[in-house]
PDB file of N, CA and C in Angstrom:
ATOM      1  N   MET A   1     151.698  68.627 100.605  1.00  0.00           N
ATOM      2  CA  MET A   1     152.136  70.004 100.543  1.00  0.00           C
ATOM      3  C   MET A   1     153.275  70.108  99.535  1.00  0.00           C
ATOM      4  N   LYS A   2     153.258  71.169  98.714  1.00  0.00           N
ATOM      5  CA  LYS A   2     154.265  71.337  97.684  1.00  0.00           C
ATOM      6  C   LYS A   2     155.467  72.067  98.252  1.00  0.00           C
ATOM      7  N   SER A   3     156.614  71.708  97.731  1.00  0.00           N
ATOM      8  CA  SER A   3     157.824  72.388  98.188  1.00  0.00           C
ATOM      9  C   SER A   3     157.919  73.749  97.521  1.00  0.00           C
ATOM     10  N   ALA A   4     158.724  74.621  98.097  1.00  0.00           N
ATOM     11  CA  ALA A   4     158.871  75.977  97.575  1.00  0.00           C
ATOM     12  C   ALA A   4     159.530  75.987  96.210  1.00  0.00           C
ATOM     13  N   SER A   5     160.197  74.906  95.835  1.00  0.00           N
ATOM     14  CA  SER A   5     160.875  74.879  94.537  1.00  0.00           C
ATOM     15  C   SER A   5     159.995  74.315  93.427  1.00  0.00           C
ATOM     16  N   SER A   6     158.782  73.837  93.750  1.00  0.00           N
ATOM     17  CA  SER A   6     157.917  73.288  92.703  1.00  0.00           C
ATOM     18  C   SER A   6     157.419  74.427  91.814  1.00  0.00           C
ATOM     19  N   PRO A   7     157.194  74.151  90.525  1.00  0.00           N
ATOM     20  CA  PRO A   7     156.778  75.204  89.588  1.00  0.00           C
ATOM     21  C   PRO A   7     155.476  75.897  89.991  1.00  0.00           C
ATOM     22  N   SER A   8     154.510  75.164  90.568  1.00  0.00           N
ATOM     23  CA  SER A   8     153.231  75.787  90.917  1.00  0.00           C
ATOM     24  C   SER A   8     153.338  76.642  92.171  1.00  0.00           C
ATOM     25  N   ALA A   9     154.376  76.478  92.955  1.00  0.00           N
ATOM     26  CA  ALA A   9     154.527  77.270  94.170  1.00  0.00           C
ATOM     27  C   ALA A   9     155.227  78.600  93.903  1.00  0.00           C
ATOM     28  N   LYS A  10     155.878  78.728  92.754  1.00  0.00           N
ATOM     29  CA  LYS A  10     156.591  79.964  92.437  1.00  0.00           C
ATOM     30  C   LYS A  10     155.632  80.975  91.816  1.00  0.00           C
ATOM     31  N   PRO A  11     155.792  82.255  92.148  1.00  0.00           N
ATOM     32  CA  PRO A  11     154.928  83.267  91.529  1.00  0.00           C
ATOM     33  C   PRO A  11     155.284  83.416  90.053  1.00  0.00           C
ATOM     34  N   PRO A  12     154.307  83.797  89.218  1.00  0.00           N
ATOM     35  CA  PRO A  12     154.609  83.956  87.801  1.00  0.00           C
ATOM     36  C   PRO A  12     155.616  85.079  87.596  1.00  0.00           C
ATOM     37  N   SER A  13     156.414  84.937  86.571  1.00  0.00           N
ATOM     38  CA  SER A  13     157.452  85.917  86.284  1.00  0.00           C
ATOM     39  C   SER A  13     156.826  87.229  85.842  1.00  0.00           C
ATOM     40  N   ALA A  14     157.274  88.336  86.411  1.00  0.00           N
ATOM     41  CA  ALA A  14     156.766  89.652  86.055  1.00  0.00           C
ATOM     42  C   ALA A  14     157.470  90.199  84.831  1.00  0.00           C
ATOM     43  N   ASN A  15     158.465  89.491  84.335  1.00  0.00           N
ATOM     44  CA  ASN A  15     159.243  89.975  83.197  1.00  0.00           C
ATOM     45  C   ASN A  15     158.707  89.480  81.861  1.00  0.00           C
ATOM     46  N   ARG A  16     157.541  88.832  81.852  1.00  0.00           N
ATOM     47  CA  ARG A  16     156.979  88.345  80.600  1.00  0.00           C
ATOM     48  C   ARG A  16     156.671  89.516  79.690  1.00  0.00           C
ATOM     49  N   LYS A  17     156.968  89.347  78.411  1.00  0.00           N
ATOM     50  CA  LYS A  17     156.678  90.387  77.440  1.00  0.00           C
ATOM     51  C   LYS A  17     155.483  89.946  76.604  1.00  0.00           C
ATOM     52  N   SER A  18     154.700  90.916  76.209  1.00  0.00           N
ATOM     53  CA  SER A  18     153.551  90.639  75.374  1.00  0.00           C
ATOM     54  C   SER A  18     154.020  90.150  74.018  1.00  0.00           C
ATOM     55  N   ILE A  19     153.282  89.215  73.449  1.00  0.00           N
ATOM     56  CA  ILE A  19     153.620  88.704  72.134  1.00  0.00           C
ATOM     57  C   ILE A  19     153.441  89.812  71.096  1.00  0.00           C
ATOM     58  N   SER A  20     152.374  90.581  71.245  1.00  0.00           N
ATOM     59  CA  SER A  20     152.100  91.674  70.326  1.00  0.00           C
ATOM     60  C   SER A  20     152.177  92.981  71.096  1.00  0.00           C
ATOM     61  N   MET A  21     152.875  93.945  70.551  1.00  0.00           N
ATOM     62  CA  MET A  21     153.002  95.234  71.210  1.00  0.00           C
ATOM     63  C   MET A  21     151.855  96.170  70.846  1.00  0.00           C
ATOM     64  N   GLN A  22     150.986  95.743  69.924  1.00  0.00           N
ATOM     65  CA  GLN A  22     149.880  96.577  69.495  1.00  0.00           C
ATOM     66  C   GLN A  22     148.601  96.128  70.187  1.00  0.00           C
ATOM     67  N   SER A  23     147.831  97.095  70.681  1.00  0.00           N
ATOM     68  CA  SER A  23     146.575  96.798  71.354  1.00  0.00           C
ATOM     69  C   SER A  23     145.575  96.205  70.369  1.00  0.00           C
ATOM     70  N   LYS A  24     144.806  95.235  70.832  1.00  0.00           N
ATOM     71  CA  LYS A  24     143.789  94.621  69.987  1.00  0.00           C
ATOM     72  C   LYS A  24     142.411  95.220  70.274  1.00  0.00           C
ATOM     73  N   THR A  25     142.364  96.248  71.105  1.00  0.00           N
ATOM     74  CA  THR A  25     141.110  96.910  71.418  1.00  0.00           C
ATOM     75  C   THR A  25     140.698  97.799  70.254  1.00  0.00           C
ATOM     76  N   ASP A  26     139.453  97.699  69.860  1.00  0.00           N
ATOM     77  CA  ASP A  26     138.918  98.525  68.778  1.00  0.00           C
ATOM     78  C   ASP A  26     138.419  99.828  69.395  1.00  0.00           C
ATOM     79  N   TRP A  27     139.351 100.770  69.588  1.00  0.00           N
ATOM     80  CA  TRP A  27     139.026 102.032  70.271  1.00  0.00           C
ATOM     81  C   TRP A  27     138.013 102.851  69.491  1.00  0.00           C
ATOM     82  N   ALA A  28     138.085 102.833  68.168  1.00  0.00           N
ATOM     83  CA  ALA A  28     137.136 103.605  67.357  1.00  0.00           C
ATOM     84  C   ALA A  28     135.715 103.104  67.572  1.00  0.00           C
ATOM     85  N   ARG A  29     135.548 101.788  67.638  1.00  0.00           N
ATOM     86  CA  ARG A  29     134.210 101.227  67.862  1.00  0.00           C
ATOM     87  C   ARG A  29     133.691 101.587  69.240  1.00  0.00           C
ATOM     88  N   LEU A  30     134.557 101.542  70.246  1.00  0.00           N
ATOM     89  CA  LEU A  30     134.142 101.894  71.600  1.00  0.00           C
ATOM     90  C   LEU A  30     133.751 103.366  71.701  1.00  0.00           C
ATOM     91  N   LYS A  31     134.524 104.239  71.058  1.00  0.00           N
ATOM     92  CA  LYS A  31     134.217 105.671  71.096  1.00  0.00           C
ATOM     93  C   LYS A  31     132.946 105.984  70.330  1.00  0.00           C
ATOM     94  N   ALA A  32     132.675 105.276  69.251  1.00  0.00           N
ATOM     95  CA  ALA A  32     131.493 105.525  68.438  1.00  0.00           C
ATOM     96  C   ALA A  32     130.225 104.982  69.088  1.00  0.00           C
ATOM     97  N   GLY A  33     130.377 104.061  70.058  1.00  0.00           N
ATOM     98  CA  GLY A  33     129.226 103.434  70.680  1.00  0.00           C
ATOM     99  C   GLY A  33     128.362 104.380  71.477  1.00  0.00           C
ATOM    100  N   GLY A  34     128.927 105.438  72.008  1.00  0.00           N
ATOM    101  CA  GLY A  34     128.151 106.378  72.804  1.00  0.00           C
ATOM    102  C   GLY A  34     127.810 105.820  74.167  1.00  0.00           C
ATOM    103  N   GLN A  35     127.208 106.656  74.988  1.00  0.00           N
ATOM    104  CA  GLN A  35     126.822 106.231  76.326  1.00  0.00           C
ATOM    105  C   GLN A  35     125.386 105.765  76.337  1.00  0.00           C
ATOM    106  N   THR A  36     125.121 104.743  77.120  1.00  0.00           N
ATOM    107  CA  THR A  36     123.759 104.227  77.240  1.00  0.00           C
ATOM    108  C   THR A  36     123.065 104.787  78.464  1.00  0.00           C
ATOM    109  N   THR A  37     123.796 105.491  79.327  1.00  0.00           N
ATOM    110  CA  THR A  37     123.202 106.067  80.524  1.00  0.00           C
ATOM    111  C   THR A  37     123.466 107.561  80.550  1.00  0.00           C
ATOM    112  N   THR A  38     122.702 108.263  81.375  1.00  0.00           N
ATOM    113  CA  THR A  38     122.895 109.691  81.547  1.00  0.00           C
ATOM    114  C   THR A  38     123.810 109.905  82.738  1.00  0.00           C
ATOM    115  N   PRO A  39     124.993 110.456  82.529  1.00  0.00           N
ATOM    116  CA  PRO A  39     125.900 110.640  83.656  1.00  0.00           C
ATOM    117  C   PRO A  39     125.438 111.770  84.582  1.00  0.00           C
ATOM    118  N   THR A  40     125.750 111.648  85.846  1.00  0.00           N
ATOM    119  CA  THR A  40     125.492 112.705  86.816  1.00  0.00           C
ATOM    120  C   THR A  40     126.824 113.267  87.266  1.00  0.00           C
ATOM    121  N   ARG A  41     126.800 114.410  87.914  1.00  0.00           N
ATOM    122  CA  ARG A  41     128.048 115.038  88.317  1.00  0.00           C
ATOM    123  C   ARG A  41     128.801 114.183  89.332  1.00  0.00           C
ATOM    124  N   GLY A  42     128.126 113.664  90.334  1.00  0.00           N
ATOM    125  CA  GLY A  42     128.777 112.874  91.371  1.00  0.00           C
ATOM    126  C   GLY A  42     129.139 111.471  90.932  1.00  0.00           C
ATOM    127  N   HIS A  43     128.325 110.900  90.046  1.00  0.00           N
ATOM    128  CA  HIS A  43     128.540 109.536  89.577  1.00  0.00           C
ATOM    129  C   HIS A  43     128.416 109.528  88.062  1.00  0.00           C
ATOM    130  N   PRO A  44     129.519 109.724  87.353  1.00  0.00           N
ATOM    131  CA  PRO A  44     129.428 109.847  85.901  1.00  0.00           C
ATOM    132  C   PRO A  44     128.879 108.613  85.198  1.00  0.00           C
ATOM    133  N   ASP A  45     128.927 107.444  85.814  1.00  0.00           N
ATOM    134  CA  ASP A  45     128.421 106.233  85.176  1.00  0.00           C
ATOM    135  C   ASP A  45     127.017 105.864  85.647  1.00  0.00           C
ATOM    136  N   ALA A  46     126.431 106.642  86.551  1.00  0.00           N
ATOM    137  CA  ALA A  46     125.132 106.298  87.115  1.00  0.00           C
ATOM    138  C   ALA A  46     124.008 106.762  86.203  1.00  0.00           C
ATOM    139  N   ASP A  47     122.950 105.999  86.155  1.00  0.00           N
ATOM    140  CA  ASP A  47     121.766 106.355  85.387  1.00  0.00           C
ATOM    141  C   ASP A  47     120.772 107.001  86.347  1.00  0.00           C
ATOM    142  N   VAL A  48     120.318 108.197  86.035  1.00  0.00           N
ATOM    143  CA  VAL A  48     119.442 108.948  86.931  1.00  0.00           C
ATOM    144  C   VAL A  48     118.140 108.194  87.175  1.00  0.00           C
ATOM    145  N   LYS A  49     117.585 107.555  86.137  1.00  0.00           N
ATOM    146  CA  LYS A  49     116.334 106.809  86.306  1.00  0.00           C
ATOM    147  C   LYS A  49     116.499 105.690  87.332  1.00  0.00           C
ATOM    148  N   HIS A  50     117.639 105.017  87.291  1.00  0.00           N
ATOM    149  CA  HIS A  50     117.892 103.929  88.229  1.00  0.00           C
ATOM    150  C   HIS A  50     117.972 104.459  89.661  1.00  0.00           C
ATOM    151  N   ILE A  51     118.627 105.597  89.845  1.00  0.00           N
ATOM    152  CA  ILE A  51     118.761 106.189  91.175  1.00  0.00           C
ATOM    153  C   ILE A  51     117.402 106.621  91.709  1.00  0.00           C
ATOM    154  N   VAL A  52     116.604 107.289  90.882  1.00  0.00           N
ATOM    155  CA  VAL A  52     115.286 107.752  91.303  1.00  0.00           C
ATOM    156  C   VAL A  52     114.390 106.577  91.658  1.00  0.00           C
ATOM    157  N   ARG A  53     114.443 105.521  90.870  1.00  0.00           N
ATOM    158  CA  ARG A  53     113.616 104.343  91.156  1.00  0.00           C
ATOM    159  C   ARG A  53     113.966 103.762  92.523  1.00  0.00           C
ATOM    160  N   GLY A  54     115.263 103.721  92.848  1.00  0.00           N
ATOM    161  CA  GLY A  54     115.675 103.218  94.157  1.00  0.00           C
ATOM    162  C   GLY A  54     115.198 104.109  95.289  1.00  0.00           C
ATOM    163  N   LEU A  55     115.194 105.405  95.075  1.00  0.00           N
ATOM    164  CA  LEU A  55     114.729 106.327  96.113  1.00  0.00           C
ATOM    165  C   LEU A  55     113.223 106.238  96.310  1.00  0.00           C
ATOM    166  N   VAL A  56     112.484 106.061  95.237  1.00  0.00           N
ATOM    167  CA  VAL A  56     111.031 105.978  95.332  1.00  0.00           C
ATOM    168  C   VAL A  56     110.609 104.746  96.122  1.00  0.00           C
ATOM    169  N   ARG A  57     111.351 103.641  96.019  1.00  0.00           N
ATOM    170  CA  ARG A  57     110.994 102.398  96.705  1.00  0.00           C
ATOM    171  C   ARG A  57     111.255 102.450  98.199  1.00  0.00           C
ATOM    172  N   ARG A  58     112.045 103.386  98.687  1.00  0.00           N
ATOM    173  CA  ARG A  58     112.356 103.442 100.123  1.00  0.00           C
ATOM    174  C   ARG A  58     111.095 103.707 100.927  1.00  0.00           C
ATOM    175  N   GLY A  59     110.924 102.964 101.986  1.00  0.00           N
ATOM    176  CA  GLY A  59     109.786 103.146 102.865  1.00  0.00           C
ATOM    177  C   GLY A  59     108.527 102.448 102.404  1.00  0.00           C
ATOM    178  N   LEU A  60     108.534 101.875 101.239  1.00  0.00           N
ATOM    179  CA  LEU A  60     107.369 101.150 100.743  1.00  0.00           C
ATOM    180  C   LEU A  60     107.483  99.674 101.098  1.00  0.00           C
ATOM    181  N   ALA A  61     106.373  98.985 100.991  1.00  0.00           N
ATOM    182  CA  ALA A  61     106.373  97.548 101.255  1.00  0.00           C
ATOM    183  C   ALA A  61     107.269  96.845 100.236  1.00  0.00           C
ATOM    184  N   PRO A  62     107.914  95.754 100.633  1.00  0.00           N
ATOM    185  CA  PRO A  62     108.766  95.025  99.684  1.00  0.00           C
ATOM    186  C   PRO A  62     107.952  94.530  98.494  1.00  0.00           C
ATOM    187  N   LEU A  63     108.605  94.470  97.360  1.00  0.00           N
ATOM    188  CA  LEU A  63     107.941  93.968  96.168  1.00  0.00           C
ATOM    189  C   LEU A  63     107.694  92.471  96.299  1.00  0.00           C
ATOM    190  N   PRO A  64     106.549  91.994  95.816  1.00  0.00           N
ATOM    191  CA  PRO A  64     106.307  90.547  95.884  1.00  0.00           C
ATOM    192  C   PRO A  64     107.274  89.822  94.953  1.00  0.00           C
ATOM    193  N   PRO A  65     107.593  88.576  95.265  1.00  0.00           N
ATOM    194  CA  PRO A  65     108.520  87.833  94.406  1.00  0.00           C
ATOM    195  C   PRO A  65     107.908  87.608  93.024  1.00  0.00           C
ATOM    196  N   LYS A  66     108.758  87.543  92.023  1.00  0.00           N
ATOM    197  CA  LYS A  66     108.307  87.328  90.652  1.00  0.00           C
ATOM    198  C   LYS A  66     108.404  85.841  90.310  1.00  0.00           C
ATOM    199  N   ALA A  67     107.564  85.410  89.399  1.00  0.00           N
ATOM    200  CA  ALA A  67     107.610  84.040  88.898  1.00  0.00           C
ATOM    201  C   ALA A  67     107.886  84.101  87.408  1.00  0.00           C
ATOM    202  N   SER A  68     108.790  83.290  86.948  1.00  0.00           N
ATOM    203  CA  SER A  68     109.114  83.237  85.531  1.00  0.00           C
ATOM    204  C   SER A  68     108.153  82.272  84.845  1.00  0.00           C
ATOM    205  N   ILE A  69     107.447  82.776  83.819  1.00  0.00           N
ATOM    206  CA  ILE A  69     106.476  81.944  83.101  1.00  0.00           C
ATOM    207  C   ILE A  69     106.689  82.121  81.602  1.00  0.00           C
ATOM    208  N   SER A  70     106.059  81.268  80.856  1.00  0.00           N
ATOM    209  CA  SER A  70     105.996  81.413  79.405  1.00  0.00           C
ATOM    210  C   SER A  70     104.559  81.794  79.086  1.00  0.00           C
ATOM    211  N   LEU A  71     104.390  82.953  78.447  1.00  0.00           N
ATOM    212  CA  LEU A  71     103.052  83.472  78.183  1.00  0.00           C
ATOM    213  C   LEU A  71     102.920  83.774  76.703  1.00  0.00           C
ATOM    214  N   ARG A  72     101.874  83.271  76.089  1.00  0.00           N
ATOM    215  CA  ARG A  72     101.659  83.536  74.670  1.00  0.00           C
ATOM    216  C   ARG A  72     100.662  84.677  74.537  1.00  0.00           C
ATOM    217  N   VAL A  73     101.101  85.744  73.861  1.00  0.00           N
ATOM    218  CA  VAL A  73     100.231  86.890  73.602  1.00  0.00           C
ATOM    219  C   VAL A  73     100.260  87.173  72.105  1.00  0.00           C
ATOM    220  N   ASP A  74      99.254  87.903  71.631  1.00  0.00           N
ATOM    221  CA  ASP A  74      99.218  88.271  70.221  1.00  0.00           C
ATOM    222  C   ASP A  74     100.426  89.141  69.886  1.00  0.00           C
ATOM    223  N   GLN A  75     100.950  88.945  68.682  1.00  0.00           N
ATOM    224  CA  GLN A  75     102.154  89.652  68.252  1.00  0.00           C
ATOM    225  C   GLN A  75     101.961  91.164  68.284  1.00  0.00           C
ATOM    226  N   ASP A  76     100.786  91.650  67.843  1.00  0.00           N
ATOM    227  CA  ASP A  76     100.562  93.092  67.809  1.00  0.00           C
ATOM    228  C   ASP A  76     100.516  93.688  69.212  1.00  0.00           C
ATOM    229  N   VAL A  77     100.006  92.931  70.172  1.00  0.00           N
ATOM    230  CA  VAL A  77      99.973  93.408  71.560  1.00  0.00           C
ATOM    231  C   VAL A  77     101.389  93.511  72.110  1.00  0.00           C
ATOM    232  N   LEU A  78     102.186  92.493  71.879  1.00  0.00           N
ATOM    233  CA  LEU A  78     103.573  92.511  72.348  1.00  0.00           C
ATOM    234  C   LEU A  78     104.358  93.645  71.701  1.00  0.00           C
ATOM    235  N   GLU A  79     104.184  93.838  70.402  1.00  0.00           N
ATOM    236  CA  GLU A  79     104.887  94.918  69.706  1.00  0.00           C
ATOM    237  C   GLU A  79     104.484  96.277  70.260  1.00  0.00           C
ATOM    238  N   TRP A  80     103.197  96.450  70.602  1.00  0.00           N
ATOM    239  CA  TRP A  80     102.746  97.720  71.170  1.00  0.00           C
ATOM    240  C   TRP A  80     103.429  97.991  72.508  1.00  0.00           C
ATOM    241  N   PHE A  81     103.489  96.989  73.379  1.00  0.00           N
ATOM    242  CA  PHE A  81     104.154  97.172  74.672  1.00  0.00           C
ATOM    243  C   PHE A  81     105.637  97.469  74.484  1.00  0.00           C
ATOM    244  N   LYS A  82     106.288  96.752  73.578  1.00  0.00           N
ATOM    245  CA  LYS A  82     107.712  96.985  73.334  1.00  0.00           C
ATOM    246  C   LYS A  82     107.960  98.372  72.749  1.00  0.00           C
ATOM    247  N   ALA A  83     107.021  98.871  71.926  1.00  0.00           N
ATOM    248  CA  ALA A  83     107.183 100.188  71.315  1.00  0.00           C
ATOM    249  C   ALA A  83     107.130 101.309  72.357  1.00  0.00           C
ATOM    250  N   GLN A  84     106.586 101.027  73.528  1.00  0.00           N
ATOM    251  CA  GLN A  84     106.497 102.040  74.583  1.00  0.00           C
ATOM    252  C   GLN A  84     107.850 102.287  75.244  1.00  0.00           C
ATOM    253  N   GLY A  85     108.832 101.448  74.962  1.00  0.00           N
ATOM    254  CA  GLY A  85     110.175 101.620  75.516  1.00  0.00           C
ATOM    255  C   GLY A  85     110.545 100.472  76.429  1.00  0.00           C
ATOM    256  N   THR A  86     111.705 100.632  77.078  1.00  0.00           N
ATOM    257  CA  THR A  86     112.172  99.580  77.973  1.00  0.00           C
ATOM    258  C   THR A  86     111.209  99.404  79.137  1.00  0.00           C
ATOM    259  N   GLY A  87     111.207  98.222  79.698  1.00  0.00           N
ATOM    260  CA  GLY A  87     110.325  97.925  80.825  1.00  0.00           C
ATOM    261  C   GLY A  87     108.964  97.413  80.395  1.00  0.00           C
ATOM    262  N   TYR A  88     108.876  96.881  79.189  1.00  0.00           N
ATOM    263  CA  TYR A  88     107.574  96.435  78.695  1.00  0.00           C
ATOM    264  C   TYR A  88     107.002  95.296  79.539  1.00  0.00           C
ATOM    265  N   GLN A  89     107.862  94.426  80.068  1.00  0.00           N
ATOM    266  CA  GLN A  89     107.355  93.330  80.894  1.00  0.00           C
ATOM    267  C   GLN A  89     106.761  93.865  82.189  1.00  0.00           C
ATOM    268  N   THR A  90     107.378  94.893  82.749  1.00  0.00           N
ATOM    269  CA  THR A  90     106.848  95.514  83.961  1.00  0.00           C
ATOM    270  C   THR A  90     105.498  96.158  83.667  1.00  0.00           C
ATOM    271  N   ARG A  91     105.365  96.800  82.514  1.00  0.00           N
ATOM    272  CA  ARG A  91     104.083  97.417  82.156  1.00  0.00           C
ATOM    273  C   ARG A  91     103.004  96.356  81.946  1.00  0.00           C
ATOM    274  N   ILE A  92     103.350  95.242  81.320  1.00  0.00           N
ATOM    275  CA  ILE A  92     102.375  94.158  81.155  1.00  0.00           C
ATOM    276  C   ILE A  92     101.918  93.671  82.523  1.00  0.00           C
ATOM    277  N   ASN A  93     102.871  93.519  83.450  1.00  0.00           N
ATOM    278  CA  ASN A  93     102.531  93.082  84.801  1.00  0.00           C
ATOM    279  C   ASN A  93     101.612  94.099  85.480  1.00  0.00           C
ATOM    280  N   THR A  94     101.876  95.395  85.271  1.00  0.00           N
ATOM    281  CA  THR A  94     101.056  96.448  85.888  1.00  0.00           C
ATOM    282  C   THR A  94      99.637  96.415  85.344  1.00  0.00           C
ATOM    283  N   VAL A  95      99.486  96.190  84.038  1.00  0.00           N
ATOM    284  CA  VAL A  95      98.152  96.095  83.444  1.00  0.00           C
ATOM    285  C   VAL A  95      97.407  94.891  84.003  1.00  0.00           C
ATOM    286  N   LEU A  96      98.076  93.764  84.114  1.00  0.00           N
ATOM    287  CA  LEU A  96      97.434  92.569  84.668  1.00  0.00           C
ATOM    288  C   LEU A  96      97.046  92.776  86.133  1.00  0.00           C
ATOM    289  N   ARG A  97      97.917  93.444  86.888  1.00  0.00           N
ATOM    290  CA  ARG A  97      97.610  93.723  88.296  1.00  0.00           C
ATOM    291  C   ARG A  97      96.394  94.649  88.404  1.00  0.00           C
ATOM    292  N   ALA A  98      96.315  95.677  87.554  1.00  0.00           N
ATOM    293  CA  ALA A  98      95.181  96.600  87.575  1.00  0.00           C
ATOM    294  C   ALA A  98      93.883  95.862  87.223  1.00  0.00           C
ATOM    295  N   PHE A  99      93.961  94.946  86.251  1.00  0.00           N
ATOM    296  CA  PHE A  99      92.784  94.151  85.910  1.00  0.00           C
ATOM    297  C   PHE A  99      92.349  93.281  87.087  1.00  0.00           C
ATOM    298  N   ARG A 100      93.335  92.661  87.758  1.00  0.00           N
ATOM    299  CA  ARG A 100      93.018  91.836  88.924  1.00  0.00           C
ATOM    300  C   ARG A 100      92.357  92.673  90.012  1.00  0.00           C
ATOM    301  N   ASP A 101      92.927  93.846  90.291  1.00  0.00           N
ATOM    302  CA  ASP A 101      92.399  94.695  91.367  1.00  0.00           C
ATOM    303  C   ASP A 101      90.998  95.215  91.017  1.00  0.00           C
ATOM    304  N   ALA A 102      90.738  95.471  89.739  1.00  0.00           N
ATOM    305  CA  ALA A 102      89.424  95.956  89.325  1.00  0.00           C
ATOM    306  C   ALA A 102      88.374  94.856  89.361  1.00  0.00           C
ATOM    307  N   SER A 103      88.845  93.609  89.297  1.00  0.00           N
ATOM    308  CA  SER A 103      87.908  92.478  89.278  1.00  0.00           C
ATOM    309  C   SER A 103      87.490  92.020  90.668  1.00  0.00           C
ATOM    310  N   VAL A 104      88.121  92.543  91.685  1.00  0.00           N
ATOM    311  CA  VAL A 104      87.843  92.072  93.056  1.00  0.00           C
ATOM    312  C   VAL A 104      86.588  92.637  93.595  1.00  0.00           C
TER     313      VAL A 104
END
């Protein structure tokens, strides 16, 4: 056990001064970045799509677990799925699931 006078037992001094008095944050870059989500009145940082997706899943059966794989597909097929927007991996999974269900 360390004594109360040991350096590691003492709280850090609150009187430390910053080496530089100027902020190193690039405020112009942050302001120019824009928002990536659509703010709502109650939750300005919440994305409406994310909230709706969570509400739609309520009461449904749990999603099956996912497996991480390496899959080789033609470049043009991958580019087409990516061009449809975010969630391209989910759409690929949905197409494969529909093919499986149609084959049964």
